[in-house]
Amino acid sequence: MSTPTPDFEKKFVAAIRKNLRDVVTELENGDKNLKKKIKTFSSRFAFVESQVKAKIRDDEMFRAFFAKDPGKQKIHENIAAAFIANIPTVSNFKQLAHDDTQLLGGAVISRKDARKGGGTSRAKSLDFYWETCGIKVYASHKYTKSSGGAQDNQYRDLQEFIREANQSNLRGAIFLAIADGKYYLTNDAETDTTKLARLKRLTNRENVFALSIAEIEAFLDELCMKSQK
């Protein structure tokens, strides 16, 4: 039985509601970040801090302004991580710290080593590592909902990740560009295919692949079958 594919939007909304519920608790516990936000807000509009705090307690709509943004809490990455970690063929799953493990010229290195080699501008961060049937898997994950400047940057980032990964001759390892969200199903103006289709065409399809999270479990099953032949 396949692992249910995560509903990113549903989980995002649930996280928003949770963060909204948490605001009053954070207020009572003296959360440092919330205190700073209240102070900045009060100063900017010449409001009295005590009155702002009182309104936060009493007015849910006003309170929403002070709730943490799930998008800044790596929620999409965390959702993808939880899903992948539960796939039966996945073992030793790790969520890699940003700016720690990086990909440069096909090599998996630390940011420190990338800096030494003068390649920090080209180096791409890796989000996940796991093993499947003895094969090491390194992955970059992006969830992009709609078009725009920042979203286009994420698309370019995956393309650059693929170009760096295509240079790898790391034995027993593969690289995955995981592209999720409606954005990647929209048309790519340069190739007249979907953005996901373009990403797939950019990969060497030997040790580098592009796919959506919905395709991962079947892909890994096939990878295991090939490795056992």
C-alpha atoms as a PDB file:
ATOM      1  CA  MET A   1       0.000   0.000   0.000  1.00  0.00           C
ATOM      2  CA  SER A   2       1.472   3.361  -1.042  1.00  0.00           C
ATOM      3  CA  THR A   3       2.111   6.143   1.464  1.00  0.00           C
ATOM      4  CA  PRO A   4      -0.566   8.889   1.168  1.00  0.00           C
ATOM      5  CA  THR A   5       0.826  11.946  -0.616  1.00  0.00           C
ATOM      6  CA  PRO A   6       0.788  15.031   1.639  1.00  0.00           C
ATOM      7  CA  ASP A   7      -1.705  17.821   1.044  1.00  0.00           C
ATOM      8  CA  PHE A   8       0.634  20.804   1.415  1.00  0.00           C
ATOM      9  CA  GLU A   9      -2.095  23.435   1.348  1.00  0.00           C
ATOM     10  CA  LYS A  10      -4.287  21.703   3.922  1.00  0.00           C
ATOM     11  CA  LYS A  11      -1.318  21.278   6.274  1.00  0.00           C
ATOM     12  CA  PHE A  12      -0.275  24.894   5.706  1.00  0.00           C
ATOM     13  CA  VAL A  13      -3.738  26.157   6.719  1.00  0.00           C
ATOM     14  CA  ALA A  14      -3.677  23.910   9.801  1.00  0.00           C
ATOM     15  CA  ALA A  15      -0.283  25.372  10.749  1.00  0.00           C
ATOM     16  CA  ILE A  16      -1.607  28.920  10.334  1.00  0.00           C
ATOM     17  CA  ARG A  17      -4.519  28.168  12.656  1.00  0.00           C
ATOM     18  CA  LYS A  18      -2.186  26.597  15.226  1.00  0.00           C
ATOM     19  CA  ASN A  19       0.168  29.583  15.124  1.00  0.00           C
ATOM     20  CA  LEU A  20      -2.808  31.884  15.608  1.00  0.00           C
ATOM     21  CA  ARG A  21      -3.919  29.891  18.662  1.00  0.00           C
ATOM     22  CA  ASP A  22      -0.381  30.049  20.059  1.00  0.00           C
ATOM     23  CA  VAL A  23      -0.127  33.868  20.035  1.00  0.00           C
ATOM     24  CA  VAL A  24      -1.845  34.418  23.396  1.00  0.00           C
ATOM     25  CA  THR A  25       0.274  31.701  25.033  1.00  0.00           C
ATOM     26  CA  GLU A  26       3.424  33.298  23.578  1.00  0.00           C
ATOM     27  CA  LEU A  27       2.260  36.658  24.889  1.00  0.00           C
ATOM     28  CA  GLU A  28       1.746  35.312  28.408  1.00  0.00           C
ATOM     29  CA  ASN A  29       5.094  33.489  28.323  1.00  0.00           C
ATOM     30  CA  GLY A  30       6.970  36.587  27.195  1.00  0.00           C
ATOM     31  CA  ASP A  31       8.094  35.196  23.831  1.00  0.00           C
ATOM     32  CA  LYS A  32      11.113  37.264  22.750  1.00  0.00           C
ATOM     33  CA  ASN A  33      10.185  37.472  19.056  1.00  0.00           C
ATOM     34  CA  LEU A  34       6.583  38.420  19.791  1.00  0.00           C
ATOM     35  CA  LYS A  35       7.688  41.124  22.243  1.00  0.00           C
ATOM     36  CA  LYS A  36       9.934  42.588  19.568  1.00  0.00           C
ATOM     37  CA  LYS A  37       7.132  42.555  16.996  1.00  0.00           C
ATOM     38  CA  ILE A  38       4.719  44.253  19.404  1.00  0.00           C
ATOM     39  CA  LYS A  39       7.308  46.887  20.289  1.00  0.00           C
ATOM     40  CA  THR A  40       8.029  47.645  16.623  1.00  0.00           C
ATOM     41  CA  PHE A  41       4.308  47.783  15.779  1.00  0.00           C
ATOM     42  CA  SER A  42       3.516  50.075  18.732  1.00  0.00           C
ATOM     43  CA  SER A  43       6.415  52.404  17.973  1.00  0.00           C
ATOM     44  CA  ARG A  44       5.608  52.658  14.255  1.00  0.00           C
ATOM     45  CA  PHE A  45       1.994  53.667  14.828  1.00  0.00           C
ATOM     46  CA  ALA A  46       2.490  55.478  18.162  1.00  0.00           C
ATOM     47  CA  PHE A  47       0.286  52.957  20.003  1.00  0.00           C
ATOM     48  CA  VAL A  48       0.583  52.125  23.694  1.00  0.00           C
ATOM     49  CA  GLU A  49       2.082  48.633  24.085  1.00  0.00           C
ATOM     50  CA  SER A  50      -0.280  47.623  26.882  1.00  0.00           C
ATOM     51  CA  GLN A  51      -3.271  48.495  24.678  1.00  0.00           C
ATOM     52  CA  VAL A  52      -1.830  46.505  21.787  1.00  0.00           C
ATOM     53  CA  LYS A  53      -1.382  43.491  24.079  1.00  0.00           C
ATOM     54  CA  ALA A  54      -4.946  43.837  25.341  1.00  0.00           C
ATOM     55  CA  LYS A  55      -6.289  43.911  21.781  1.00  0.00           C
ATOM     56  CA  ILE A  56      -4.231  40.831  20.902  1.00  0.00           C
ATOM     57  CA  ARG A  57      -5.956  38.976  23.731  1.00  0.00           C
ATOM     58  CA  ASP A  58      -9.444  40.160  22.779  1.00  0.00           C
ATOM     59  CA  ASP A  59      -9.466  40.380  18.969  1.00  0.00           C
ATOM     60  CA  GLU A  60      -8.643  37.253  16.958  1.00  0.00           C
ATOM     61  CA  MET A  61      -8.493  39.113  13.633  1.00  0.00           C
ATOM     62  CA  PHE A  62      -6.020  41.633  15.078  1.00  0.00           C
ATOM     63  CA  ARG A  63      -4.105  38.775  16.733  1.00  0.00           C
ATOM     64  CA  ALA A  64      -3.556  37.157  13.337  1.00  0.00           C
ATOM     65  CA  PHE A  65      -1.119  39.930  12.404  1.00  0.00           C
ATOM     66  CA  PHE A  66       1.213  38.730  15.165  1.00  0.00           C
ATOM     67  CA  ALA A  67       1.013  35.008  14.391  1.00  0.00           C
ATOM     68  CA  LYS A  68       4.139  33.327  13.044  1.00  0.00           C
ATOM     69  CA  ASP A  69       4.210  32.694   9.306  1.00  0.00           C
ATOM     70  CA  PRO A  70       4.450  28.921   8.674  1.00  0.00           C
ATOM     71  CA  GLY A  71       6.243  29.709   5.422  1.00  0.00           C
ATOM     72  CA  LYS A  72       9.160  31.059   7.457  1.00  0.00           C
ATOM     73  CA  GLN A  73       9.207  27.908   9.584  1.00  0.00           C
ATOM     74  CA  LYS A  74      10.215  25.648   6.676  1.00  0.00           C
ATOM     75  CA  ILE A  75       6.761  24.065   6.781  1.00  0.00           C
ATOM     76  CA  HIS A  76       6.790  22.735   3.203  1.00  0.00           C
ATOM     77  CA  GLU A  77      10.227  21.215   3.713  1.00  0.00           C
ATOM     78  CA  ASN A  78       9.087  19.695   7.016  1.00  0.00           C
ATOM     79  CA  ILE A  79       5.955  18.226   5.405  1.00  0.00           C
ATOM     80  CA  ALA A  80       8.028  16.686   2.603  1.00  0.00           C
ATOM     81  CA  ALA A  81      10.553  15.360   5.131  1.00  0.00           C
ATOM     82  CA  ALA A  82       7.872  13.636   7.214  1.00  0.00           C
ATOM     83  CA  PHE A  83       6.405  12.028   4.090  1.00  0.00           C
ATOM     84  CA  ILE A  84       9.701  10.761   2.684  1.00  0.00           C
ATOM     85  CA  ALA A  85      10.910   9.444   6.052  1.00  0.00           C
ATOM     86  CA  ASN A  86       7.820   7.188   6.224  1.00  0.00           C
ATOM     87  CA  ILE A  87       8.302   5.552   2.817  1.00  0.00           C
ATOM     88  CA  PRO A  88       9.115   1.850   3.448  1.00  0.00           C
ATOM     89  CA  THR A  89      12.235   1.807   1.246  1.00  0.00           C
ATOM     90  CA  VAL A  90      13.747   4.858   3.002  1.00  0.00           C
ATOM     91  CA  SER A  91      16.280   4.446   5.809  1.00  0.00           C
ATOM     92  CA  ASN A  92      18.706   6.739   7.669  1.00  0.00           C
ATOM     93  CA  PHE A  93      16.678   9.795   6.655  1.00  0.00           C
ATOM     94  CA  LYS A  94      18.179  13.166   7.578  1.00  0.00           C
ATOM     95  CA  GLN A  95      16.961  16.713   7.141  1.00  0.00           C
ATOM     96  CA  LEU A  96      20.138  18.597   6.359  1.00  0.00           C
ATOM     97  CA  ALA A  97      20.848  21.989   7.868  1.00  0.00           C
ATOM     98  CA  HIS A  98      20.808  24.801   5.310  1.00  0.00           C
ATOM     99  CA  ASP A  99      24.237  26.159   4.395  1.00  0.00           C
ATOM    100  CA  ASP A 100      25.920  23.121   5.946  1.00  0.00           C
ATOM    101  CA  THR A 101      25.854  20.336   3.362  1.00  0.00           C
ATOM    102  CA  GLN A 102      26.181  21.643  -0.177  1.00  0.00           C
ATOM    103  CA  LEU A 103      26.553  20.470  -3.751  1.00  0.00           C
ATOM    104  CA  LEU A 104      29.268  21.968  -5.932  1.00  0.00           C
ATOM    105  CA  GLY A 105      30.519  20.606  -9.236  1.00  0.00           C
ATOM    106  CA  GLY A 106      28.985  17.236  -8.469  1.00  0.00           C
ATOM    107  CA  ALA A 107      30.690  16.956  -5.068  1.00  0.00           C
ATOM    108  CA  VAL A 108      28.900  16.902  -1.703  1.00  0.00           C
ATOM    109  CA  ILE A 109      30.862  19.241   0.569  1.00  0.00           C
ATOM    110  CA  SER A 110      30.476  21.566   3.542  1.00  0.00           C
ATOM    111  CA  ARG A 111      29.874  25.286   3.076  1.00  0.00           C
ATOM    112  CA  LYS A 112      33.286  25.854   4.660  1.00  0.00           C
ATOM    113  CA  ASP A 113      34.963  23.822   1.905  1.00  0.00           C
ATOM    114  CA  ALA A 114      32.885  25.566  -0.761  1.00  0.00           C
ATOM    115  CA  ARG A 115      34.078  28.909   0.601  1.00  0.00           C
ATOM    116  CA  LYS A 116      37.688  27.737   0.522  1.00  0.00           C
ATOM    117  CA  GLY A 117      37.311  26.787  -3.121  1.00  0.00           C
ATOM    118  CA  GLY A 118      35.674  30.091  -3.977  1.00  0.00           C
ATOM    119  CA  GLY A 119      32.494  28.421  -5.153  1.00  0.00           C
ATOM    120  CA  THR A 120      29.903  29.678  -2.682  1.00  0.00           C
ATOM    121  CA  SER A 121      27.968  31.531  -5.394  1.00  0.00           C
ATOM    122  CA  ARG A 122      27.502  28.269  -7.342  1.00  0.00           C
ATOM    123  CA  ALA A 123      27.102  25.862  -4.441  1.00  0.00           C
ATOM    124  CA  LYS A 124      23.549  24.589  -3.887  1.00  0.00           C
ATOM    125  CA  SER A 125      22.142  23.608  -0.511  1.00  0.00           C
ATOM    126  CA  LEU A 126      20.928  20.053   0.004  1.00  0.00           C
ATOM    127  CA  ASP A 127      17.707  19.560   1.959  1.00  0.00           C
ATOM    128  CA  PHE A 128      17.495  15.796   2.505  1.00  0.00           C
ATOM    129  CA  TYR A 129      19.655  12.710   2.657  1.00  0.00           C
ATOM    130  CA  TRP A 130      18.534   9.104   2.925  1.00  0.00           C
ATOM    131  CA  GLU A 131      19.406   5.610   1.785  1.00  0.00           C
ATOM    132  CA  THR A 132      17.333   3.308  -0.378  1.00  0.00           C
ATOM    133  CA  CYS A 133      18.476  -0.273  -0.975  1.00  0.00           C
ATOM    134  CA  GLY A 134      22.080   0.704  -0.278  1.00  0.00           C
ATOM    135  CA  ILE A 135      21.970   3.761  -2.550  1.00  0.00           C
ATOM    136  CA  LYS A 136      22.681   7.207  -1.094  1.00  0.00           C
ATOM    137  CA  VAL A 137      20.084   9.795  -2.060  1.00  0.00           C
ATOM    138  CA  TYR A 138      20.625  13.555  -1.877  1.00  0.00           C
ATOM    139  CA  ALA A 139      17.670  15.823  -2.575  1.00  0.00           C
ATOM    140  CA  SER A 140      16.730  19.443  -3.024  1.00  0.00           C
ATOM    141  CA  HIS A 141      13.044  20.234  -2.420  1.00  0.00           C
ATOM    142  CA  LYS A 142      10.998  23.243  -3.498  1.00  0.00           C
ATOM    143  CA  TYR A 143       7.303  23.881  -2.987  1.00  0.00           C
ATOM    144  CA  THR A 144       6.085  26.722  -5.179  1.00  0.00           C
ATOM    145  CA  LYS A 145       2.412  27.620  -5.361  1.00  0.00           C
ATOM    146  CA  SER A 146       2.140  30.493  -7.829  1.00  0.00           C
ATOM    147  CA  SER A 147       4.156  32.600 -10.269  1.00  0.00           C
ATOM    148  CA  GLY A 148       6.215  35.624  -9.307  1.00  0.00           C
ATOM    149  CA  GLY A 149       9.761  36.896  -8.849  1.00  0.00           C
ATOM    150  CA  ALA A 150      10.651  34.858  -5.762  1.00  0.00           C
ATOM    151  CA  GLN A 151       8.939  31.780  -7.193  1.00  0.00           C
ATOM    152  CA  ASP A 152      10.870  32.077 -10.434  1.00  0.00           C
ATOM    153  CA  ASN A 153      14.040  32.208  -8.355  1.00  0.00           C
ATOM    154  CA  GLN A 154      13.133  28.857  -6.800  1.00  0.00           C
ATOM    155  CA  TYR A 155      12.653  27.402 -10.266  1.00  0.00           C
ATOM    156  CA  ARG A 156      16.063  28.707 -11.352  1.00  0.00           C
ATOM    157  CA  ASP A 157      17.571  27.327  -8.163  1.00  0.00           C
ATOM    158  CA  LEU A 158      16.373  23.815  -9.039  1.00  0.00           C
ATOM    159  CA  GLN A 159      17.759  24.167 -12.552  1.00  0.00           C
ATOM    160  CA  GLU A 160      21.134  25.171 -11.125  1.00  0.00           C
ATOM    161  CA  PHE A 161      20.990  22.275  -8.654  1.00  0.00           C
ATOM    162  CA  ILE A 162      20.468  19.873 -11.565  1.00  0.00           C
ATOM    163  CA  ARG A 163      23.403  21.338 -13.510  1.00  0.00           C
ATOM    164  CA  GLU A 164      25.697  20.914 -10.506  1.00  0.00           C
ATOM    165  CA  ALA A 165      24.414  17.383  -9.842  1.00  0.00           C
ATOM    166  CA  ASN A 166      24.852  16.325 -13.477  1.00  0.00           C
ATOM    167  CA  GLN A 167      28.611  16.690 -12.973  1.00  0.00           C
ATOM    168  CA  SER A 168      28.724  14.148 -10.159  1.00  0.00           C
ATOM    169  CA  ASN A 169      30.573  10.854 -10.426  1.00  0.00           C
ATOM    170  CA  LEU A 170      29.887   9.982  -6.789  1.00  0.00           C
ATOM    171  CA  ARG A 171      29.591   6.197  -6.626  1.00  0.00           C
ATOM    172  CA  GLY A 172      26.428   4.642  -5.251  1.00  0.00           C
ATOM    173  CA  ALA A 173      24.632   7.987  -5.026  1.00  0.00           C
ATOM    174  CA  ILE A 174      21.837   9.781  -6.849  1.00  0.00           C
ATOM    175  CA  PHE A 175      20.465  13.317  -6.730  1.00  0.00           C
ATOM    176  CA  LEU A 176      16.790  14.300  -6.795  1.00  0.00           C
ATOM    177  CA  ALA A 177      15.274  17.684  -7.635  1.00  0.00           C
ATOM    178  CA  ILE A 178      11.837  17.500  -5.990  1.00  0.00           C
ATOM    179  CA  ALA A 179       9.428  20.095  -7.401  1.00  0.00           C
ATOM    180  CA  ASP A 180       6.031  20.473  -5.744  1.00  0.00           C
ATOM    181  CA  GLY A 181       3.147  22.889  -6.151  1.00  0.00           C
ATOM    182  CA  LYS A 182       0.942  24.090  -8.997  1.00  0.00           C
ATOM    183  CA  TYR A 183       3.682  26.395 -10.250  1.00  0.00           C
ATOM    184  CA  TYR A 184       5.662  23.464 -11.697  1.00  0.00           C
ATOM    185  CA  LEU A 185       2.639  22.284 -13.674  1.00  0.00           C
ATOM    186  CA  THR A 186       2.357  25.617 -15.492  1.00  0.00           C
ATOM    187  CA  ASN A 187       3.894  26.301 -18.870  1.00  0.00           C
ATOM    188  CA  ASP A 188       7.577  27.117 -19.270  1.00  0.00           C
ATOM    189  CA  ALA A 189       7.763  29.941 -21.806  1.00  0.00           C
ATOM    190  CA  GLU A 190      11.135  28.891 -23.235  1.00  0.00           C
ATOM    191  CA  THR A 191      10.331  25.246 -23.949  1.00  0.00           C
ATOM    192  CA  ASP A 192       6.522  25.201 -24.281  1.00  0.00           C
ATOM    193  CA  THR A 193       6.337  22.319 -21.788  1.00  0.00           C
ATOM    194  CA  THR A 194       5.513  22.345 -18.092  1.00  0.00           C
ATOM    195  CA  LYS A 195       8.211  23.547 -15.737  1.00  0.00           C
ATOM    196  CA  LEU A 196       8.441  20.073 -14.197  1.00  0.00           C
ATOM    197  CA  ALA A 197       8.867  18.540 -17.646  1.00  0.00           C
ATOM    198  CA  ARG A 198      11.690  20.975 -18.361  1.00  0.00           C
ATOM    199  CA  LEU A 199      13.424  20.062 -15.098  1.00  0.00           C
ATOM    200  CA  LYS A 200      13.193  16.385 -16.025  1.00  0.00           C
ATOM    201  CA  ARG A 201      14.726  17.080 -19.441  1.00  0.00           C
ATOM    202  CA  LEU A 202      17.651  18.914 -17.809  1.00  0.00           C
ATOM    203  CA  THR A 203      18.662  15.869 -15.751  1.00  0.00           C
ATOM    204  CA  ASN A 204      21.070  13.234 -17.089  1.00  0.00           C
ATOM    205  CA  ARG A 205      18.589  10.520 -15.950  1.00  0.00           C
ATOM    206  CA  GLU A 206      21.469   8.323 -14.857  1.00  0.00           C
ATOM    207  CA  ASN A 207      22.189   9.585 -11.374  1.00  0.00           C
ATOM    208  CA  VAL A 208      20.154  12.816 -11.445  1.00  0.00           C
ATOM    209  CA  PHE A 209      16.361  12.958 -11.642  1.00  0.00           C
ATOM    210  CA  ALA A 210      13.558  15.499 -11.269  1.00  0.00           C
ATOM    211  CA  LEU A 211      10.131  14.550  -9.954  1.00  0.00           C
ATOM    212  CA  SER A 212       7.242  15.570  -7.747  1.00  0.00           C
ATOM    213  CA  ILE A 213       6.772  14.170  -4.268  1.00  0.00           C
ATOM    214  CA  ALA A 214       3.841  12.092  -5.554  1.00  0.00           C
ATOM    215  CA  GLU A 215       6.273  10.190  -7.789  1.00  0.00           C
ATOM    216  CA  ILE A 216       8.947   9.442  -5.191  1.00  0.00           C
ATOM    217  CA  GLU A 217       7.682   6.182  -3.682  1.00  0.00           C
ATOM    218  CA  ALA A 218       7.220   4.481  -7.073  1.00  0.00           C
ATOM    219  CA  PHE A 219      10.587   5.857  -8.220  1.00  0.00           C
ATOM    220  CA  LEU A 220      12.345   4.407  -5.167  1.00  0.00           C
ATOM    221  CA  ASP A 221      10.612   1.032  -5.617  1.00  0.00           C
ATOM    222  CA  GLU A 222      11.903   0.901  -9.183  1.00  0.00           C
ATOM    223  CA  LEU A 223      15.349   1.982  -8.016  1.00  0.00           C
ATOM    224  CA  CYS A 224      15.414  -0.944  -5.573  1.00  0.00           C
ATOM    225  CA  MET A 225      14.369  -3.431  -8.234  1.00  0.00           C
ATOM    226  CA  LYS A 226      17.122  -2.237 -10.588  1.00  0.00           C
ATOM    227  CA  SER A 227      19.763  -2.361  -7.830  1.00  0.00           C
ATOM    228  CA  GLN A 228      18.855  -5.968  -6.985  1.00  0.00           C
ATOM    229  CA  LYS A 229      19.251  -7.283 -10.535  1.00  0.00           C
END
